[in-house]
Amino acid sequence: MSPNAGPAGARGRAIGALAMVIASAGGTAYAAQANQTQLTNGIPEAATAASTPAAGLELRVKPRRPVYGQPATASGHAPGADLVVLEERRPPRGFTPIAAVRPNARGGFAFTWSARRSGVLRATSFAGAALIGRSKPQRLRVAVRLRAALGRRHLLGGGTLAVRARLGTPGALTLKLQVRPRNGRWSTIGRRRVMRSGRVRLLGRLSGPGVWRVRIVAQPLARGLERGASRLLGRVFVYRPSYASWYGPGLYGGGLACGGRLTPATVGVAHRWLPCGTRVVFRFGGRTVVARVVDRGPYVGGREWDLTAGLKQRLGFGSTGVVWVAY
């Protein structure tokens, strides 16, 4: 017996014992719960060799971009193997075994776990104590788990915009509350650093009236997460108060400055200088209506808007008064 026969035999018996344990568990190993010491001791020294044997070992990771805590699967085909080891790159040590599984009769194998950190994975296959195959590395990019919802969507200028967020990812994160006007760029109006998962409230202030799109962005600061997350939360309307009146009776059938004819059903508004077709959001008594500029006026001092009868009816507006406007 050669001097190395004893250790090699011990390693082979360890591999066989490990394979039997995995097989009795249903053939699936959970990488997040694997005993790394046991796996390392049960793998031949060839597993850490620099050479890469030529073999038909395949590895597929799905999904490649999971959200934190989402189930992930690494599966493939290892012809001629009786043990497949899943390895993860852990600098500065390189690839480290994290789980092992015994292939089925056709060489198929699968690992399933809960994705909690990004990394680079590969599979190594063995026949007895010999390394016979090694797959190409596959990158896993785990993203932050984030849910969020807007508070009030209708605000007067100077009001506070509030967003409720729920983080399902532990570790340090930076949350940003961002808004974008029509045909504009995203700007940050609120920022907060979060150190653990749970519920978070993020606040920002919008001083100027208009219609703004809102999103929340989470950027990971902790190691192990490569991808942040962003959630579009819809639109928020920031208004200013303005004085308005209405018109219509006696003018029906007449032409509008922006084209067409005025009828009792016309939903529009007259303004002295806004371009024809401009969309204006009106809010009055809890009702919100979007109307376009269709005419010119009013020409009475102190009044900025003349509502058509159709718009007046939809808003529940009286003869004259203050409305909230955003455009």
Protein backbone atom coordinates (compact mmCIF):
# COMPACT_ATOMS: atom_id res chain seq x y z
CA MET A 1 0.00 0.00 0.00
CA SER A 2 1.38 3.37 -0.97
CA PRO A 3 1.88 6.08 1.70
CA ASN A 4 -1.08 8.07 0.35
CA ALA A 5 -3.56 5.20 0.26
CA GLY A 6 -4.79 5.76 3.78
CA PRO A 7 -5.70 9.46 3.44
CA ALA A 8 -7.19 8.96 -0.01
CA GLY A 9 -9.33 6.13 1.28
CA ALA A 10 -10.50 8.26 4.20
CA ARG A 11 -11.46 11.08 1.85
CA GLY A 12 -13.32 8.67 -0.39
CA ARG A 13 -15.25 7.25 2.55
CA ALA A 14 -16.09 10.80 3.68
CA ILE A 15 -17.44 11.64 0.23
CA GLY A 16 -19.54 8.50 0.18
CA ALA A 17 -20.94 9.19 3.63
CA LEU A 18 -21.78 12.76 2.67
CA ALA A 19 -23.48 11.63 -0.52
CA MET A 20 -25.61 9.12 1.43
CA VAL A 21 -26.70 11.83 3.85
CA ILE A 22 -27.64 14.15 1.00
CA ALA A 23 -29.46 11.38 -0.84
CA SER A 24 -31.50 10.54 2.25
CA ALA A 25 -32.49 14.22 2.47
CA GLY A 26 -34.03 14.09 -1.00
CA GLY A 27 -31.05 15.03 -3.13
CA THR A 28 -31.21 18.79 -2.47
CA ALA A 29 -28.67 20.77 -0.45
CA TYR A 30 -29.34 24.23 0.97
CA ALA A 31 -26.28 26.41 0.52
CA ALA A 32 -27.31 28.91 3.18
CA GLN A 33 -27.37 26.15 5.82
CA ALA A 34 -24.41 23.99 4.73
CA ASN A 35 -21.75 22.89 7.21
CA GLN A 36 -18.64 24.25 5.50
CA THR A 37 -16.14 22.39 7.70
CA GLN A 38 -17.73 19.04 6.95
CA LEU A 39 -17.87 19.78 3.24
CA THR A 40 -14.26 20.91 3.06
CA ASN A 41 -12.98 17.84 4.92
CA GLY A 42 -15.03 15.54 2.72
CA ILE A 43 -13.72 16.82 -0.62
CA PRO A 44 -10.53 15.55 -2.25
CA GLU A 45 -7.54 17.82 -2.48
CA ALA A 46 -8.04 17.92 -6.22
CA ALA A 47 -11.01 20.22 -5.66
CA THR A 48 -8.66 23.09 -4.94
CA ALA A 49 -6.30 22.36 -7.80
CA ALA A 50 -5.56 25.13 -10.29
CA SER A 51 -6.18 22.93 -13.32
CA THR A 52 -9.61 22.81 -14.95
CA PRO A 53 -10.46 19.33 -16.33
CA ALA A 54 -12.34 19.21 -19.61
CA ALA A 55 -15.77 17.73 -19.00
CA GLY A 56 -19.39 18.37 -19.90
CA LEU A 57 -20.35 19.83 -16.53
CA GLU A 58 -23.05 22.47 -16.86
CA LEU A 59 -24.37 24.91 -14.26
CA ARG A 60 -27.43 27.15 -14.58
CA VAL A 61 -28.39 29.67 -11.89
CA LYS A 62 -32.00 30.93 -11.81
CA PRO A 63 -32.87 33.65 -11.30
CA ARG A 64 -29.58 35.39 -11.96
CA ARG A 65 -30.89 38.59 -10.34
CA PRO A 66 -33.03 37.55 -7.38
CA VAL A 67 -34.48 39.81 -4.72
CA TYR A 68 -33.16 39.27 -1.20
CA GLY A 69 -34.72 36.13 0.31
CA GLN A 70 -36.11 34.89 -3.02
CA PRO A 71 -35.60 31.15 -3.71
CA ALA A 72 -32.72 30.48 -6.09
CA THR A 73 -31.70 27.29 -7.85
CA ALA A 74 -28.37 26.14 -9.24
CA SER A 75 -28.92 23.11 -11.46
CA GLY A 76 -27.20 21.30 -14.28
CA HIS A 77 -25.88 18.05 -15.70
CA ALA A 78 -22.73 16.22 -14.54
CA PRO A 79 -22.11 13.13 -16.71
CA GLY A 80 -20.26 10.33 -14.98
CA ALA A 81 -20.17 12.02 -11.56
CA ASP A 82 -21.29 10.58 -8.23
CA LEU A 83 -20.91 13.86 -6.31
CA VAL A 84 -21.33 17.52 -7.27
CA VAL A 85 -20.08 20.31 -5.02
CA LEU A 86 -21.35 23.89 -5.23
CA GLU A 87 -18.61 26.44 -4.58
CA GLU A 88 -18.69 30.17 -3.95
CA ARG A 89 -15.88 32.64 -4.54
CA ARG A 90 -14.89 34.21 -1.24
CA PRO A 91 -11.92 36.56 -1.60
CA PRO A 92 -9.10 36.34 -0.75
CA ARG A 93 -9.40 32.53 -0.49
CA GLY A 94 -10.96 31.93 -3.88
CA PHE A 95 -13.71 29.33 -4.28
CA THR A 96 -14.98 27.64 -1.12
CA PRO A 97 -17.33 24.61 -1.00
CA ILE A 98 -20.75 25.51 0.42
CA ALA A 99 -22.98 22.53 -0.48
CA ALA A 100 -22.89 19.09 -2.12
CA VAL A 101 -25.42 16.82 -3.79
CA ARG A 102 -25.48 13.38 -5.38
CA PRO A 103 -26.59 13.48 -9.07
CA ASN A 104 -29.46 11.32 -10.26
CA ALA A 105 -29.03 8.39 -12.64
CA ARG A 106 -28.94 10.73 -15.64
CA GLY A 107 -26.40 13.06 -14.07
CA GLY A 108 -28.88 15.80 -13.19
CA PHE A 109 -28.46 17.78 -9.98
CA ALA A 110 -29.95 20.82 -8.26
CA PHE A 111 -29.21 23.05 -5.29
CA THR A 112 -31.92 25.25 -3.78
CA TRP A 113 -31.47 28.02 -1.23
CA SER A 114 -32.72 31.41 -0.15
CA ALA A 115 -30.66 34.10 -1.90
CA ARG A 116 -29.23 36.47 0.68
CA ARG A 117 -25.99 37.71 -0.85
CA SER A 118 -24.38 38.24 -4.21
CA GLY A 119 -21.47 36.15 -5.35
CA VAL A 120 -19.88 33.97 -8.00
CA LEU A 121 -20.83 30.29 -8.05
CA ARG A 122 -19.44 27.23 -9.81
CA ALA A 123 -19.94 23.47 -9.64
CA THR A 124 -17.25 20.80 -9.33
CA SER A 125 -17.95 17.11 -10.02
CA PHE A 126 -16.23 13.99 -8.68
CA ALA A 127 -16.14 10.31 -9.52
CA GLY A 128 -14.88 8.56 -6.43
CA ALA A 129 -11.99 10.66 -5.19
CA ALA A 130 -11.14 12.09 -8.63
CA LEU A 131 -12.14 15.54 -9.87
CA ILE A 132 -13.66 15.08 -13.32
CA GLY A 133 -15.38 18.36 -14.15
CA ARG A 134 -15.72 22.01 -13.28
CA SER A 135 -18.34 24.42 -14.62
CA LYS A 136 -17.93 27.97 -15.80
CA PRO A 137 -18.46 30.51 -12.99
CA GLN A 138 -21.95 32.01 -12.78
CA ARG A 139 -22.60 35.39 -11.15
CA LEU A 140 -25.51 35.89 -8.76
CA ARG A 141 -26.62 39.49 -8.14
CA VAL A 142 -28.95 39.82 -5.16
CA ALA A 143 -31.07 42.98 -4.93
CA VAL A 144 -32.62 44.84 -2.03
CA ARG A 145 -36.18 43.85 -1.11
CA LEU A 146 -38.24 47.04 -1.03
CA ARG A 147 -41.91 47.94 -0.87
CA ALA A 148 -43.22 51.49 -0.70
CA ALA A 149 -46.41 53.55 -0.97
CA LEU A 150 -47.22 57.24 -1.16
CA GLY A 151 -49.13 59.06 1.54
CA ARG A 152 -51.15 62.05 0.27
CA ARG A 153 -51.04 62.68 -3.47
CA HIS A 154 -52.59 66.15 -3.37
CA LEU A 155 -50.56 68.88 -1.68
CA LEU A 156 -50.45 72.65 -1.55
CA GLY A 157 -47.07 74.14 -2.40
CA GLY A 158 -44.79 73.89 0.61
CA GLY A 159 -46.49 70.75 1.89
CA THR A 160 -44.63 67.65 3.00
CA LEU A 161 -44.51 64.58 0.81
CA ALA A 162 -44.47 61.36 2.85
CA VAL A 163 -43.58 57.84 1.68
CA ARG A 164 -44.00 54.67 3.72
CA ALA A 165 -41.42 51.98 2.91
CA ARG A 166 -40.88 48.44 4.09
CA LEU A 167 -37.40 46.94 3.80
CA GLY A 168 -36.95 43.18 3.84
CA THR A 169 -33.16 43.33 3.70
CA PRO A 170 -30.94 43.67 6.77
CA GLY A 171 -27.77 45.76 6.71
CA ALA A 172 -26.94 49.36 5.94
CA LEU A 173 -28.93 51.04 3.17
CA THR A 174 -29.38 54.56 1.88
CA LEU A 175 -32.95 55.52 0.94
CA LYS A 176 -33.59 58.41 -1.42
CA LEU A 177 -36.93 60.08 -2.16
CA GLN A 178 -36.80 61.46 -5.69
CA VAL A 179 -39.20 63.47 -7.86
CA ARG A 180 -39.28 64.42 -11.52
CA PRO A 181 -41.38 67.09 -13.25
CA ARG A 182 -42.73 66.67 -16.73
CA ASN A 183 -39.86 66.57 -19.21
CA GLY A 184 -37.38 66.98 -16.36
CA ARG A 185 -34.77 65.00 -14.46
CA TRP A 186 -34.92 63.15 -11.17
CA SER A 187 -33.90 65.17 -8.13
CA THR A 188 -33.55 64.03 -4.52
CA ILE A 189 -35.75 65.78 -1.94
CA GLY A 190 -35.31 63.36 0.96
CA ARG A 191 -32.56 61.02 2.14
CA ARG A 192 -32.18 58.61 5.05
CA ARG A 193 -29.70 55.95 6.14
CA VAL A 194 -31.25 52.73 7.44
CA MET A 195 -29.36 50.10 9.42
CA ARG A 196 -31.89 47.28 9.60
CA SER A 197 -34.97 45.84 7.93
CA GLY A 198 -38.47 46.99 8.86
CA ARG A 199 -40.79 49.94 8.30
CA VAL A 200 -39.39 53.35 7.40
CA ARG A 201 -40.99 56.75 6.78
CA LEU A 202 -39.27 59.11 4.36
CA LEU A 203 -40.19 62.80 4.05
CA GLY A 204 -39.51 65.51 1.47
CA ARG A 205 -40.79 68.96 0.61
CA LEU A 206 -41.99 70.22 -2.77
CA SER A 207 -42.29 73.98 -2.88
CA GLY A 208 -43.23 74.53 -6.52
CA PRO A 209 -46.65 73.65 -7.99
CA GLY A 210 -46.88 71.06 -10.70
CA VAL A 211 -47.36 67.39 -11.43
CA TRP A 212 -44.44 65.31 -10.21
CA ARG A 213 -43.52 61.68 -10.63
CA VAL A 214 -42.23 60.07 -7.45
CA ARG A 215 -39.89 57.16 -6.82
CA ILE A 216 -37.91 55.74 -3.92
CA VAL A 217 -34.39 54.37 -4.41
CA ALA A 218 -32.55 52.00 -2.04
CA GLN A 219 -28.78 51.70 -2.37
CA PRO A 220 -26.97 48.98 -0.38
CA LEU A 221 -23.99 49.96 1.73
CA ALA A 222 -23.37 46.55 3.30
CA ARG A 223 -21.22 43.95 1.53
CA GLY A 224 -22.99 41.06 -0.12
CA LEU A 225 -25.62 43.02 -2.06
CA GLU A 226 -24.70 44.23 -5.53
CA ARG A 227 -28.01 45.62 -6.68
CA GLY A 228 -30.15 48.35 -5.22
CA ALA A 229 -33.85 48.77 -5.90
CA SER A 230 -36.15 51.55 -7.05
CA ARG A 231 -39.93 51.75 -6.99
CA LEU A 232 -42.06 54.14 -9.03
CA LEU A 233 -44.87 55.41 -6.80
CA GLY A 234 -46.97 57.29 -9.32
CA ARG A 235 -47.75 60.99 -9.48
CA VAL A 236 -48.22 63.64 -6.84
CA PHE A 237 -50.02 66.94 -7.50
CA VAL A 238 -48.69 70.13 -5.92
CA TYR A 239 -51.15 73.01 -6.21
CA ARG A 240 -51.34 76.72 -5.69
CA PRO A 241 -54.58 78.54 -4.85
CA SER A 242 -56.00 80.72 -7.63
CA TYR A 243 -59.18 82.71 -8.21
CA ALA A 244 -61.62 81.52 -10.91
CA SER A 245 -65.01 82.20 -12.45
CA TRP A 246 -67.03 80.45 -15.15
CA TYR A 247 -68.73 81.31 -18.45
CA GLY A 248 -71.05 79.82 -21.02
CA PRO A 249 -74.70 80.94 -21.21
CA GLY A 250 -75.24 83.21 -24.18
CA LEU A 251 -71.96 82.13 -25.76
CA TYR A 252 -72.82 78.56 -26.77
CA GLY A 253 -72.14 77.90 -30.42
CA GLY A 254 -69.50 80.59 -30.59
CA GLY A 255 -65.93 79.90 -31.60
CA LEU A 256 -63.15 79.19 -29.12
CA ALA A 257 -59.79 80.94 -29.41
CA CYS A 258 -58.02 77.56 -29.60
CA GLY A 259 -60.38 76.08 -32.17
CA GLY A 260 -63.78 74.43 -32.04
CA ARG A 261 -67.04 75.75 -30.64
CA LEU A 262 -68.25 76.18 -27.07
CA THR A 263 -71.06 73.86 -25.90
CA PRO A 264 -72.58 73.16 -22.47
CA ALA A 265 -70.63 69.88 -22.41
CA THR A 266 -67.21 71.40 -23.19
CA VAL A 267 -64.69 70.60 -20.45
CA GLY A 268 -62.01 73.25 -20.73
CA VAL A 269 -60.70 76.50 -19.34
CA ALA A 270 -59.87 79.96 -20.59
CA HIS A 271 -56.53 81.54 -19.67
CA ARG A 272 -54.88 84.72 -20.87
CA TRP A 273 -51.45 83.39 -21.85
CA LEU A 274 -50.99 79.63 -21.32
CA PRO A 275 -50.52 77.84 -24.67
CA CYS A 276 -53.61 76.25 -26.18
CA GLY A 277 -53.91 72.60 -25.19
CA THR A 278 -51.98 72.97 -21.91
CA ARG A 279 -53.22 70.39 -19.41
CA VAL A 280 -54.23 71.95 -16.10
CA VAL A 281 -55.24 70.00 -12.98
CA PHE A 282 -58.04 71.59 -10.93
CA ARG A 283 -59.02 70.54 -7.44
CA PHE A 284 -62.05 71.83 -5.58
CA GLY A 285 -64.04 70.35 -2.70
CA GLY A 286 -62.14 67.05 -2.86
CA ARG A 287 -62.74 66.62 -6.60
CA THR A 288 -59.94 66.60 -9.17
CA VAL A 289 -60.42 67.23 -12.90
CA VAL A 290 -57.87 67.62 -15.68
CA ALA A 291 -58.84 70.15 -18.37
CA ARG A 292 -57.10 71.76 -21.33
CA VAL A 293 -56.78 75.43 -22.20
CA VAL A 294 -59.33 76.01 -24.98
CA ASP A 295 -59.99 79.76 -24.89
CA ARG A 296 -58.67 83.17 -23.83
CA GLY A 297 -59.81 85.09 -20.77
CA PRO A 298 -60.97 86.05 -18.23
CA TYR A 299 -60.58 89.79 -18.58
CA VAL A 300 -61.89 90.70 -15.15
CA GLY A 301 -59.33 91.89 -12.62
CA GLY A 302 -58.31 89.37 -9.93
CA ARG A 303 -59.48 86.31 -11.85
CA GLU A 304 -56.99 83.94 -13.49
CA TRP A 305 -59.29 81.23 -14.90
CA ASP A 306 -62.64 81.03 -16.64
CA LEU A 307 -64.11 77.55 -16.38
CA THR A 308 -66.49 76.19 -18.98
CA ALA A 309 -69.87 74.94 -17.80
CA GLY A 310 -68.78 71.33 -18.27
CA LEU A 311 -65.71 71.80 -16.06
CA LYS A 312 -67.73 73.78 -13.49
CA GLN A 313 -70.21 70.92 -13.20
CA ARG A 314 -67.57 68.23 -12.79
CA LEU A 315 -65.80 70.17 -10.05
CA GLY A 316 -68.99 71.18 -8.25
CA PHE A 317 -67.79 74.78 -8.49
CA GLY A 318 -69.97 77.81 -7.73
CA SER A 319 -69.96 81.13 -9.56
CA THR A 320 -66.60 82.48 -8.41
CA GLY A 321 -64.08 81.33 -5.86
CA VAL A 322 -60.68 79.83 -5.13
CA VAL A 323 -59.56 76.61 -6.79
CA TRP A 324 -56.31 74.67 -6.51
CA VAL A 325 -54.38 74.46 -9.77
CA ALA A 326 -51.33 72.55 -10.97
CA TYR A 327 -49.77 72.40 -14.42
